[in-house]
Amino acid sequence: MAPMMLLTKDDFDVVARAYHCQIDFGSDERTALNLATIVYQQRHPYAVAANSRIMVENALSHGDVPQQ
């Protein structure tokens, strides 16, 4: 069984900040998403990259801020 991936409010705030800073810097959405995913993976080094990217992308596109 694969471990459950978590995106806490703190994680969401950090990855959203990374994403939006890259957009403001002039990066395209794909590059910004890649960086946001890397930021998540730095916080969760055992997370699978493909799963992390999907989770981060879904959270950013839907504004899914987790409750704590």
Protein backbone atom coordinates (compact mmCIF):
# COMPACT_ATOMS: atom_id res chain seq x y z
CA MET A 1 0.00 0.00 0.00
CA ALA A 2 1.36 3.45 -0.95
CA PRO A 3 1.77 5.97 1.88
CA MET A 4 -0.88 8.68 2.05
CA MET A 5 0.36 12.05 0.83
CA LEU A 6 -0.49 15.07 2.88
CA LEU A 7 -0.73 18.70 1.93
CA THR A 8 -1.05 20.72 5.10
CA LYS A 9 -2.10 24.37 5.17
CA ASP A 10 1.55 25.27 5.76
CA ASP A 11 2.63 23.16 2.75
CA PHE A 12 -0.07 24.79 0.62
CA ASP A 13 1.00 28.29 1.67
CA VAL A 14 4.64 27.56 0.82
CA VAL A 15 4.01 25.91 -2.55
CA ALA A 16 1.45 28.57 -3.53
CA ARG A 17 3.95 31.30 -2.66
CA ALA A 18 6.65 29.58 -4.73
CA TYR A 19 4.26 29.17 -7.65
CA HIS A 20 3.02 32.76 -7.63
CA CYS A 21 6.51 34.21 -7.17
CA GLN A 22 7.65 32.32 -10.27
CA ILE A 23 4.66 33.60 -12.26
CA ASP A 24 5.40 37.16 -11.07
CA PHE A 25 9.05 36.65 -12.09
CA GLY A 26 7.91 35.84 -15.62
CA SER A 27 8.02 32.04 -15.64
CA ASP A 28 5.34 30.12 -17.50
CA GLU A 29 2.80 28.01 -15.58
CA ARG A 30 4.60 24.72 -16.21
CA THR A 31 7.90 26.03 -14.86
CA ALA A 32 6.15 27.55 -11.84
CA LEU A 33 4.37 24.25 -11.17
CA ASN A 34 7.66 22.36 -11.44
CA LEU A 35 9.23 24.64 -8.84
CA ALA A 36 6.20 24.40 -6.53
CA THR A 37 6.42 20.60 -6.77
CA ILE A 38 10.13 20.69 -5.94
CA VAL A 39 9.37 22.86 -2.91
CA TYR A 40 6.80 20.29 -1.75
CA GLN A 41 9.29 17.47 -2.27
CA GLN A 42 11.93 19.29 -0.24
CA ARG A 43 9.46 19.33 2.63
CA HIS A 44 8.50 15.67 1.98
CA PRO A 45 11.59 13.93 0.56
CA TYR A 46 9.98 10.49 0.34
CA ALA A 47 7.02 11.67 -1.73
CA VAL A 48 6.79 10.24 -5.26
CA ALA A 49 7.43 13.03 -7.78
CA ALA A 50 4.53 12.24 -10.13
CA ASN A 51 2.06 12.01 -7.25
CA SER A 52 3.41 15.22 -5.71
CA ARG A 53 3.01 17.10 -8.97
CA ILE A 54 -0.61 15.98 -9.41
CA MET A 55 -1.50 16.85 -5.82
CA VAL A 56 0.18 20.28 -5.97
CA GLU A 57 -1.37 21.05 -9.36
CA ASN A 58 -4.86 20.08 -8.15
CA ALA A 59 -4.51 22.09 -4.94
CA LEU A 60 -3.30 25.19 -6.78
CA SER A 61 -5.91 24.99 -9.53
CA HIS A 62 -8.80 24.50 -7.10
CA GLY A 63 -7.51 26.66 -4.26
CA ASP A 64 -7.80 23.67 -1.96
CA VAL A 65 -6.38 25.07 1.25
CA PRO A 66 -6.36 22.24 3.81
CA GLN A 67 -7.90 22.79 7.21
CA GLN A 68 -5.74 22.26 10.28
